[in-house]
Amino acid sequence: MSEGVELATSAGESLKSILDGSGEVTGAVTSIAAAAEQQASASQEIASSIESITTSGQQVNQAASESAGAATELSRNAEELNSIISRFTV
């Protein structure tokens, strides 16, 4: 009879050990899931920042093109003005 009690006690201790281990695994999985969510959030923020930088770059590029066009037009106007002024004699 005492052998049966010992086996039952041993089985109970083994089950407790298994439950403790599964609790640790559950905690680790929960930590991993939280870390994955944080990484996903950070990735979304990075993607948003890159999109914003790209948009800003496109706007700067467009403004530079418009400035170059305005400078070209200003140069043409200056040449035309010089041509008109050269007709006058003092």
PDB file of N, CA and C in Angstrom:
ATOM      1  N   MET A   1       0.806  -1.175   0.000  1.00  0.00           N
ATOM      2  CA  MET A   1       0.000   0.000   0.000  1.00  0.00           C
ATOM      3  C   MET A   1       0.859   1.252   0.000  1.00  0.00           C
ATOM      4  N   SER A   2       1.950   1.249   0.768  1.00  0.00           N
ATOM      5  CA  SER A   2       2.794   2.432   0.813  1.00  0.00           C
ATOM      6  C   SER A   2       3.447   2.698  -0.539  1.00  0.00           C
ATOM      7  N   GLU A   3       3.651   1.619  -1.305  1.00  0.00           N
ATOM      8  CA  GLU A   3       4.218   1.815  -2.646  1.00  0.00           C
ATOM      9  C   GLU A   3       3.230   2.593  -3.521  1.00  0.00           C
ATOM     10  N   GLY A   4       1.965   2.326  -3.414  1.00  0.00           N
ATOM     11  CA  GLY A   4       0.947   3.048  -4.166  1.00  0.00           C
ATOM     12  C   GLY A   4       0.889   4.505  -3.752  1.00  0.00           C
ATOM     13  N   VAL A   5       1.050   4.784  -2.445  1.00  0.00           N
ATOM     14  CA  VAL A   5       1.052   6.158  -1.960  1.00  0.00           C
ATOM     15  C   VAL A   5       2.258   6.902  -2.506  1.00  0.00           C
ATOM     16  N   GLU A   6       3.403   6.234  -2.500  1.00  0.00           N
ATOM     17  CA  GLU A   6       4.620   6.846  -3.020  1.00  0.00           C
ATOM     18  C   GLU A   6       4.476   7.159  -4.513  1.00  0.00           C
ATOM     19  N   LEU A   7       3.899   6.222  -5.255  1.00  0.00           N
ATOM     20  CA  LEU A   7       3.700   6.441  -6.695  1.00  0.00           C
ATOM     21  C   LEU A   7       2.721   7.597  -6.937  1.00  0.00           C
ATOM     22  N   ALA A   8       1.678   7.657  -6.159  1.00  0.00           N
ATOM     23  CA  ALA A   8       0.698   8.731  -6.308  1.00  0.00           C
ATOM     24  C   ALA A   8       1.327  10.075  -5.954  1.00  0.00           C
ATOM     25  N   THR A   9       2.136  10.094  -4.893  1.00  0.00           N
ATOM     26  CA  THR A   9       2.827  11.326  -4.501  1.00  0.00           C
ATOM     27  C   THR A   9       3.799  11.746  -5.583  1.00  0.00           C
ATOM     28  N   SER A  10       4.536  10.792  -6.117  1.00  0.00           N
ATOM     29  CA  SER A  10       5.500  11.079  -7.188  1.00  0.00           C
ATOM     30  C   SER A  10       4.772  11.595  -8.434  1.00  0.00           C
ATOM     31  N   ALA A  11       3.645  10.969  -8.762  1.00  0.00           N
ATOM     32  CA  ALA A  11       2.871  11.410  -9.925  1.00  0.00           C
ATOM     33  C   ALA A  11       2.343  12.821  -9.696  1.00  0.00           C
ATOM     34  N   GLY A  12       1.881  13.115  -8.492  1.00  0.00           N
ATOM     35  CA  GLY A  12       1.394  14.454  -8.162  1.00  0.00           C
ATOM     36  C   GLY A  12       2.490  15.487  -8.288  1.00  0.00           C
ATOM     37  N   GLU A  13       3.696  15.157  -7.799  1.00  0.00           N
ATOM     38  CA  GLU A  13       4.835  16.084  -7.913  1.00  0.00           C
ATOM     39  C   GLU A  13       5.217  16.296  -9.371  1.00  0.00           C
ATOM     40  N   SER A  14       5.155  15.224 -10.153  1.00  0.00           N
ATOM     41  CA  SER A  14       5.467  15.337 -11.583  1.00  0.00           C
ATOM     42  C   SER A  14       4.458  16.239 -12.287  1.00  0.00           C
ATOM     43  N   LEU A  15       3.173  16.076 -11.949  1.00  0.00           N
ATOM     44  CA  LEU A  15       2.140  16.914 -12.550  1.00  0.00           C
ATOM     45  C   LEU A  15       2.324  18.368 -12.152  1.00  0.00           C
ATOM     46  N   LYS A  16       2.684  18.609 -10.888  1.00  0.00           N
ATOM     47  CA  LYS A  16       2.936  19.984 -10.442  1.00  0.00           C
ATOM     48  C   LYS A  16       4.107  20.575 -11.208  1.00  0.00           C
ATOM     49  N   SER A  17       5.148  19.780 -11.407  1.00  0.00           N
ATOM     50  CA  SER A  17       6.313  20.244 -12.158  1.00  0.00           C
ATOM     51  C   SER A  17       5.928  20.570 -13.605  1.00  0.00           C
ATOM     52  N   ILE A  18       5.077  19.721 -14.187  1.00  0.00           N
ATOM     53  CA  ILE A  18       4.617  19.953 -15.559  1.00  0.00           C
ATOM     54  C   ILE A  18       3.796  21.239 -15.620  1.00  0.00           C
ATOM     55  N   LEU A  19       2.918  21.448 -14.665  1.00  0.00           N
ATOM     56  CA  LEU A  19       2.104  22.663 -14.627  1.00  0.00           C
ATOM     57  C   LEU A  19       2.977  23.910 -14.459  1.00  0.00           C
ATOM     58  N   ASP A  20       3.975  23.835 -13.582  1.00  0.00           N
ATOM     59  CA  ASP A  20       4.889  24.970 -13.392  1.00  0.00           C
ATOM     60  C   ASP A  20       5.625  25.279 -14.698  1.00  0.00           C
ATOM     61  N   GLY A  21       6.084  24.223 -15.368  1.00  0.00           N
ATOM     62  CA  GLY A  21       6.791  24.399 -16.644  1.00  0.00           C
ATOM     63  C   GLY A  21       5.903  24.995 -17.708  1.00  0.00           C
ATOM     64  N   SER A  22       4.649  24.546 -17.754  1.00  0.00           N
ATOM     65  CA  SER A  22       3.741  25.096 -18.765  1.00  0.00           C
ATOM     66  C   SER A  22       3.424  26.555 -18.462  1.00  0.00           C
ATOM     67  N   GLY A  23       3.387  26.909 -17.176  1.00  0.00           N
ATOM     68  CA  GLY A  23       3.191  28.311 -16.810  1.00  0.00           C
ATOM     69  C   GLY A  23       4.350  29.168 -17.281  1.00  0.00           C
ATOM     70  N   GLU A  24       5.570  28.638 -17.151  1.00  0.00           N
ATOM     71  CA  GLU A  24       6.754  29.373 -17.621  1.00  0.00           C
ATOM     72  C   GLU A  24       6.716  29.529 -19.138  1.00  0.00           C
ATOM     73  N   VAL A  25       6.311  28.477 -19.832  1.00  0.00           N
ATOM     74  CA  VAL A  25       6.222  28.531 -21.297  1.00  0.00           C
ATOM     75  C   VAL A  25       5.160  29.548 -21.709  1.00  0.00           C
ATOM     76  N   THR A  26       4.045  29.551 -21.017  1.00  0.00           N
ATOM     77  CA  THR A  26       2.985  30.514 -21.310  1.00  0.00           C
ATOM     78  C   THR A  26       3.492  31.940 -21.117  1.00  0.00           C
ATOM     79  N   GLY A  27       4.236  32.166 -20.051  1.00  0.00           N
ATOM     80  CA  GLY A  27       4.815  33.492 -19.814  1.00  0.00           C
ATOM     81  C   GLY A  27       5.776  33.886 -20.914  1.00  0.00           C
ATOM     82  N   ALA A  28       6.607  32.940 -21.361  1.00  0.00           N
ATOM     83  CA  ALA A  28       7.559  33.236 -22.438  1.00  0.00           C
ATOM     84  C   ALA A  28       6.827  33.546 -23.735  1.00  0.00           C
ATOM     85  N   VAL A  29       5.788  32.781 -24.044  1.00  0.00           N
ATOM     86  CA  VAL A  29       5.018  33.017 -25.273  1.00  0.00           C
ATOM     87  C   VAL A  29       4.341  34.382 -25.212  1.00  0.00           C
ATOM     88  N   THR A  30       3.820  34.743 -24.041  1.00  0.00           N
ATOM     89  CA  THR A  30       3.185  36.048 -23.876  1.00  0.00           C
ATOM     90  C   THR A  30       4.203  37.165 -24.094  1.00  0.00           C
ATOM     91  N   SER A  31       5.403  37.005 -23.553  1.00  0.00           N
ATOM     92  CA  SER A  31       6.458  38.005 -23.742  1.00  0.00           C
ATOM     93  C   SER A  31       6.849  38.124 -25.212  1.00  0.00           C
ATOM     94  N   ILE A  32       6.951  36.988 -25.884  1.00  0.00           N
ATOM     95  CA  ILE A  32       7.304  36.995 -27.309  1.00  0.00           C
ATOM     96  C   ILE A  32       6.214  37.695 -28.118  1.00  0.00           C
ATOM     97  N   ALA A  33       4.958  37.418 -27.794  1.00  0.00           N
ATOM     98  CA  ALA A  33       3.845  38.050 -28.511  1.00  0.00           C
ATOM     99  C   ALA A  33       3.859  39.562 -28.296  1.00  0.00           C
ATOM    100  N   ALA A  34       4.139  39.998 -27.062  1.00  0.00           N
ATOM    101  CA  ALA A  34       4.192  41.441 -26.781  1.00  0.00           C
ATOM    102  C   ALA A  34       5.340  42.090 -27.549  1.00  0.00           C
ATOM    103  N   ALA A  35       6.486  41.416 -27.594  1.00  0.00           N
ATOM    104  CA  ALA A  35       7.634  41.954 -28.333  1.00  0.00           C
ATOM    105  C   ALA A  35       7.321  42.036 -29.824  1.00  0.00           C
ATOM    106  N   ALA A  36       6.629  41.037 -30.351  1.00  0.00           N
ATOM    107  CA  ALA A  36       6.259  41.044 -31.773  1.00  0.00           C
ATOM    108  C   ALA A  36       5.310  42.208 -32.070  1.00  0.00           C
ATOM    109  N   GLU A  37       4.378  42.487 -31.164  1.00  0.00           N
ATOM    110  CA  GLU A  37       3.464  43.621 -31.352  1.00  0.00           C
ATOM    111  C   GLU A  37       4.225  44.938 -31.338  1.00  0.00           C
ATOM    112  N   GLN A  38       5.188  45.054 -30.430  1.00  0.00           N
ATOM    113  CA  GLN A  38       5.994  46.282 -30.367  1.00  0.00           C
ATOM    114  C   GLN A  38       6.793  46.465 -31.648  1.00  0.00           C
ATOM    115  N   GLN A  39       7.364  45.370 -32.150  1.00  0.00           N
ATOM    116  CA  GLN A  39       8.137  45.453 -33.396  1.00  0.00           C
ATOM    117  C   GLN A  39       7.230  45.830 -34.567  1.00  0.00           C
ATOM    118  N   ALA A  40       6.031  45.273 -34.602  1.00  0.00           N
ATOM    119  CA  ALA A  40       5.096  45.609 -35.679  1.00  0.00           C
ATOM    120  C   ALA A  40       4.728  47.085 -35.613  1.00  0.00           C
ATOM    121  N   SER A  41       4.504  47.577 -34.409  1.00  0.00           N
ATOM    122  CA  SER A  41       4.170  48.992 -34.240  1.00  0.00           C
ATOM    123  C   SER A  41       5.331  49.875 -34.683  1.00  0.00           C
ATOM    124  N   ALA A  42       6.542  49.501 -34.287  1.00  0.00           N
ATOM    125  CA  ALA A  42       7.725  50.268 -34.689  1.00  0.00           C
ATOM    126  C   ALA A  42       7.900  50.228 -36.203  1.00  0.00           C
ATOM    127  N   SER A  43       7.651  49.086 -36.813  1.00  0.00           N
ATOM    128  CA  SER A  43       7.759  48.964 -38.272  1.00  0.00           C
ATOM    129  C   SER A  43       6.758  49.870 -38.968  1.00  0.00           C
ATOM    130  N   GLN A  44       5.549  49.954 -38.427  1.00  0.00           N
ATOM    131  CA  GLN A  44       4.541  50.833 -39.013  1.00  0.00           C
ATOM    132  C   GLN A  44       4.958  52.295 -38.889  1.00  0.00           C
ATOM    133  N   GLU A  45       5.530  52.657 -37.747  1.00  0.00           N
ATOM    134  CA  GLU A  45       6.000  54.036 -37.560  1.00  0.00           C
ATOM    135  C   GLU A  45       7.128  54.350 -38.534  1.00  0.00           C
ATOM    136  N   ILE A  46       8.036  53.398 -38.725  1.00  0.00           N
ATOM    137  CA  ILE A  46       9.146  53.599 -39.662  1.00  0.00           C
ATOM    138  C   ILE A  46       8.604  53.759 -41.082  1.00  0.00           C
ATOM    139  N   ALA A  47       7.647  52.911 -41.461  1.00  0.00           N
ATOM    140  CA  ALA A  47       7.058  52.999 -42.799  1.00  0.00           C
ATOM    141  C   ALA A  47       6.374  54.342 -43.000  1.00  0.00           C
ATOM    142  N   SER A  48       5.685  54.799 -41.978  1.00  0.00           N
ATOM    143  CA  SER A  48       5.016  56.102 -42.062  1.00  0.00           C
ATOM    144  C   SER A  48       6.036  57.226 -42.207  1.00  0.00           C
ATOM    145  N   SER A  49       7.121  57.138 -41.455  1.00  0.00           N
ATOM    146  CA  SER A  49       8.170  58.157 -41.551  1.00  0.00           C
ATOM    147  C   SER A  49       8.822  58.152 -42.925  1.00  0.00           C
ATOM    148  N   ILE A  50       9.062  56.983 -43.459  1.00  0.00           N
ATOM    149  CA  ILE A  50       9.665  56.883 -44.795  1.00  0.00           C
ATOM    150  C   ILE A  50       8.718  57.476 -45.838  1.00  0.00           C
ATOM    151  N   GLU A  51       7.429  57.201 -45.688  1.00  0.00           N
ATOM    152  CA  GLU A  51       6.442  57.766 -46.615  1.00  0.00           C
ATOM    153  C   GLU A  51       6.438  59.289 -46.531  1.00  0.00           C
ATOM    154  N   SER A  52       6.525  59.807 -45.317  1.00  0.00           N
ATOM    155  CA  SER A  52       6.560  61.261 -45.118  1.00  0.00           C
ATOM    156  C   SER A  52       7.817  61.859 -45.740  1.00  0.00           C
ATOM    157  N   ILE A  53       8.948  61.203 -45.553  1.00  0.00           N
ATOM    158  CA  ILE A  53      10.209  61.678 -46.134  1.00  0.00           C
ATOM    159  C   ILE A  53      10.123  61.654 -47.660  1.00  0.00           C
ATOM    160  N   THR A  54       9.538  60.602 -48.201  1.00  0.00           N
ATOM    161  CA  THR A  54       9.392  60.495 -49.655  1.00  0.00           C
ATOM    162  C   THR A  54       8.522  61.624 -50.192  1.00  0.00           C
ATOM    163  N   THR A  55       7.413  61.891 -49.501  1.00  0.00           N
ATOM    164  CA  THR A  55       6.530  62.978 -49.916  1.00  0.00           C
ATOM    165  C   THR A  55       7.255  64.317 -49.862  1.00  0.00           C
ATOM    166  N   SER A  56       7.991  64.538 -48.785  1.00  0.00           N
ATOM    167  CA  SER A  56       8.755  65.787 -48.659  1.00  0.00           C
ATOM    168  C   SER A  56       9.788  65.897 -49.773  1.00  0.00           C
ATOM    169  N   GLY A  57      10.457  64.805 -50.069  1.00  0.00           N
ATOM    170  CA  GLY A  57      11.438  64.804 -51.145  1.00  0.00           C
ATOM    171  C   GLY A  57      10.818  65.142 -52.485  1.00  0.00           C
ATOM    172  N   GLN A  58       9.629  64.600 -52.727  1.00  0.00           N
ATOM    173  CA  GLN A  58       8.932  64.904 -53.982  1.00  0.00           C
ATOM    174  C   GLN A  58       8.543  66.379 -54.048  1.00  0.00           C
ATOM    175  N   GLN A  59       8.107  66.925 -52.911  1.00  0.00           N
ATOM    176  CA  GLN A  59       7.739  68.334 -52.874  1.00  0.00           C
ATOM    177  C   GLN A  59       8.962  69.215 -53.105  1.00  0.00           C
ATOM    178  N   VAL A  60      10.086  68.847 -52.498  1.00  0.00           N
ATOM    179  CA  VAL A  60      11.325  69.612 -52.695  1.00  0.00           C
ATOM    180  C   VAL A  60      11.750  69.537 -54.156  1.00  0.00           C
ATOM    181  N   ASN A  61      11.641  68.360 -54.734  1.00  0.00           N
ATOM    182  CA  ASN A  61      12.007  68.183 -56.140  1.00  0.00           C
ATOM    183  C   ASN A  61      11.129  69.048 -57.038  1.00  0.00           C
ATOM    184  N   GLN A  62       9.829  69.070 -56.753  1.00  0.00           N
ATOM    185  CA  GLN A  62       8.912  69.888 -57.548  1.00  0.00           C
ATOM    186  C   GLN A  62       9.232  71.374 -57.380  1.00  0.00           C
ATOM    187  N   ALA A  63       9.488  71.790 -56.136  1.00  0.00           N
ATOM    188  CA  ALA A  63       9.823  73.192 -55.890  1.00  0.00           C
ATOM    189  C   ALA A  63      11.125  73.567 -56.596  1.00  0.00           C
ATOM    190  N   ALA A  64      12.097  72.668 -56.602  1.00  0.00           N
ATOM    191  CA  ALA A  64      13.365  72.934 -57.283  1.00  0.00           C
ATOM    192  C   ALA A  64      13.146  73.072 -58.789  1.00  0.00           C
ATOM    193  N   SER A  65      12.287  72.217 -59.346  1.00  0.00           N
ATOM    194  CA  SER A  65      11.984  72.307 -60.775  1.00  0.00           C
ATOM    195  C   SER A  65      11.299  73.630 -61.098  1.00  0.00           C
ATOM    196  N   GLU A  66      10.355  74.029 -60.237  1.00  0.00           N
ATOM    197  CA  GLU A  66       9.668  75.301 -60.451  1.00  0.00           C
ATOM    198  C   GLU A  66      10.646  76.467 -60.319  1.00  0.00           C
ATOM    199  N   SER A  67      11.564  76.389 -59.371  1.00  0.00           N
ATOM    200  CA  SER A  67      12.570  77.451 -59.200  1.00  0.00           C
ATOM    201  C   SER A  67      13.478  77.527 -60.420  1.00  0.00           C
ATOM    202  N   ALA A  68      13.860  76.356 -60.944  1.00  0.00           N
ATOM    203  CA  ALA A  68      14.705  76.339 -62.133  1.00  0.00           C
ATOM    204  C   ALA A  68      13.964  76.954 -63.313  1.00  0.00           C
ATOM    205  N   GLY A  69      12.680  76.639 -63.440  1.00  0.00           N
ATOM    206  CA  GLY A  69      11.882  77.233 -64.520  1.00  0.00           C
ATOM    207  C   GLY A  69      11.769  78.738 -64.359  1.00  0.00           C
ATOM    208  N   ALA A  70      11.554  79.191 -63.126  1.00  0.00           N
ATOM    209  CA  ALA A  70      11.453  80.629 -62.873  1.00  0.00           C
ATOM    210  C   ALA A  70      12.784  81.317 -63.152  1.00  0.00           C
ATOM    211  N   ALA A  71      13.886  80.672 -62.791  1.00  0.00           N
ATOM    212  CA  ALA A  71      15.210  81.250 -63.045  1.00  0.00           C
ATOM    213  C   ALA A  71      15.468  81.355 -64.548  1.00  0.00           C
ATOM    214  N   THR A  72      15.049  80.341 -65.280  1.00  0.00           N
ATOM    215  CA  THR A  72      15.204  80.379 -66.744  1.00  0.00           C
ATOM    216  C   THR A  72      14.378  81.515 -67.329  1.00  0.00           C
ATOM    217  N   GLU A  73      13.152  81.655 -66.874  1.00  0.00           N
ATOM    218  CA  GLU A  73      12.286  82.738 -67.344  1.00  0.00           C
ATOM    219  C   GLU A  73      12.874  84.096 -66.976  1.00  0.00           C
ATOM    220  N   LEU A  74      13.387  84.220 -65.777  1.00  0.00           N
ATOM    221  CA  LEU A  74      14.006  85.469 -65.332  1.00  0.00           C
ATOM    222  C   LEU A  74      15.226  85.793 -66.200  1.00  0.00           C
ATOM    223  N   SER A  75      15.995  84.798 -66.531  1.00  0.00           N
ATOM    224  CA  SER A  75      17.164  85.000 -67.394  1.00  0.00           C
ATOM    225  C   SER A  75      16.731  85.486 -68.775  1.00  0.00           C
ATOM    226  N   ARG A  76      15.672  84.885 -69.327  1.00  0.00           N
ATOM    227  CA  ARG A  76      15.157  85.319 -70.629  1.00  0.00           C
ATOM    228  C   ARG A  76      14.673  86.777 -70.551  1.00  0.00           C
ATOM    229  N   ASN A  77      13.972  87.101 -69.473  1.00  0.00           N
ATOM    230  CA  ASN A  77      13.482  88.475 -69.296  1.00  0.00           C
ATOM    231  C   ASN A  77      14.643  89.461 -69.190  1.00  0.00           C
ATOM    232  N   ALA A  78      15.696  89.056 -68.479  1.00  0.00           N
ATOM    233  CA  ALA A  78      16.868  89.928 -68.345  1.00  0.00           C
ATOM    234  C   ALA A  78      17.532  90.138 -69.699  1.00  0.00           C
ATOM    235  N   GLU A  79      17.635  89.099 -70.497  1.00  0.00           N
ATOM    236  CA  GLU A  79      18.225  89.224 -71.826  1.00  0.00           C
ATOM    237  C   GLU A  79      17.367  90.145 -72.701  1.00  0.00           C
ATOM    238  N   GLU A  80      16.070  89.972 -72.617  1.00  0.00           N
ATOM    239  CA  GLU A  80      15.171  90.814 -73.398  1.00  0.00           C
ATOM    240  C   GLU A  80      15.282  92.270 -72.950  1.00  0.00           C
ATOM    241  N   LEU A  81      15.346  92.497 -71.652  1.00  0.00           N
ATOM    242  CA  LEU A  81      15.484  93.853 -71.123  1.00  0.00           C
ATOM    243  C   LEU A  81      16.810  94.463 -71.572  1.00  0.00           C
ATOM    244  N   ASN A  82      17.877  93.702 -71.510  1.00  0.00           N
ATOM    245  CA  ASN A  82      19.179  94.185 -71.992  1.00  0.00           C
ATOM    246  C   ASN A  82      19.117  94.547 -73.471  1.00  0.00           C
ATOM    247  N   SER A  83      18.416  93.746 -74.243  1.00  0.00           N
ATOM    248  CA  SER A  83      18.280  94.016 -75.667  1.00  0.00           C
ATOM    249  C   SER A  83      17.513  95.323 -75.892  1.00  0.00           C
ATOM    250  N   ILE A  84      16.458  95.539 -75.115  1.00  0.00           N
ATOM    251  CA  ILE A  84      15.667  96.769 -75.253  1.00  0.00           C
ATOM    252  C   ILE A  84      16.486  97.970 -74.805  1.00  0.00           C
ATOM    253  N   ILE A  85      17.189  97.842 -73.687  1.00  0.00           N
ATOM    254  CA  ILE A  85      17.985  98.945 -73.159  1.00  0.00           C
ATOM    255  C   ILE A  85      19.120  99.307 -74.117  1.00  0.00           C
ATOM    256  N   SER A  86      19.680  98.316 -74.780  1.00  0.00           N
ATOM    257  CA  SER A  86      20.812  98.581 -75.687  1.00  0.00           C
ATOM    258  C   SER A  86      20.391  99.456 -76.869  1.00  0.00           C
ATOM    259  N   ARG A  87      19.126  99.579 -77.138  1.00  0.00           N
ATOM    260  CA  ARG A  87      18.643 100.407 -78.244  1.00  0.00           C
ATOM    261  C   ARG A  87      18.682 101.904 -77.883  1.00  0.00           C
ATOM    262  N   PHE A  88      18.687 102.179 -76.572  1.00  0.00           N
ATOM    263  CA  PHE A  88      18.723 103.563 -76.152  1.00  0.00           C
ATOM    264  C   PHE A  88      20.167 104.063 -76.122  1.00  0.00           C
ATOM    265  N   THR A  89      20.343 105.283 -76.540  1.00  0.00           N
ATOM    266  CA  THR A  89      21.675 105.899 -76.480  1.00  0.00           C
ATOM    267  C   THR A  89      21.596 107.127 -75.595  1.00  0.00           C
ATOM    268  N   VAL A  90      22.641 107.298 -74.834  1.00  0.00           N
ATOM    269  CA  VAL A  90      22.675 108.447 -73.927  1.00  0.00           C
ATOM    270  C   VAL A  90      23.625 109.495 -74.467  1.00  0.00           C
TER     271      VAL A  90
END
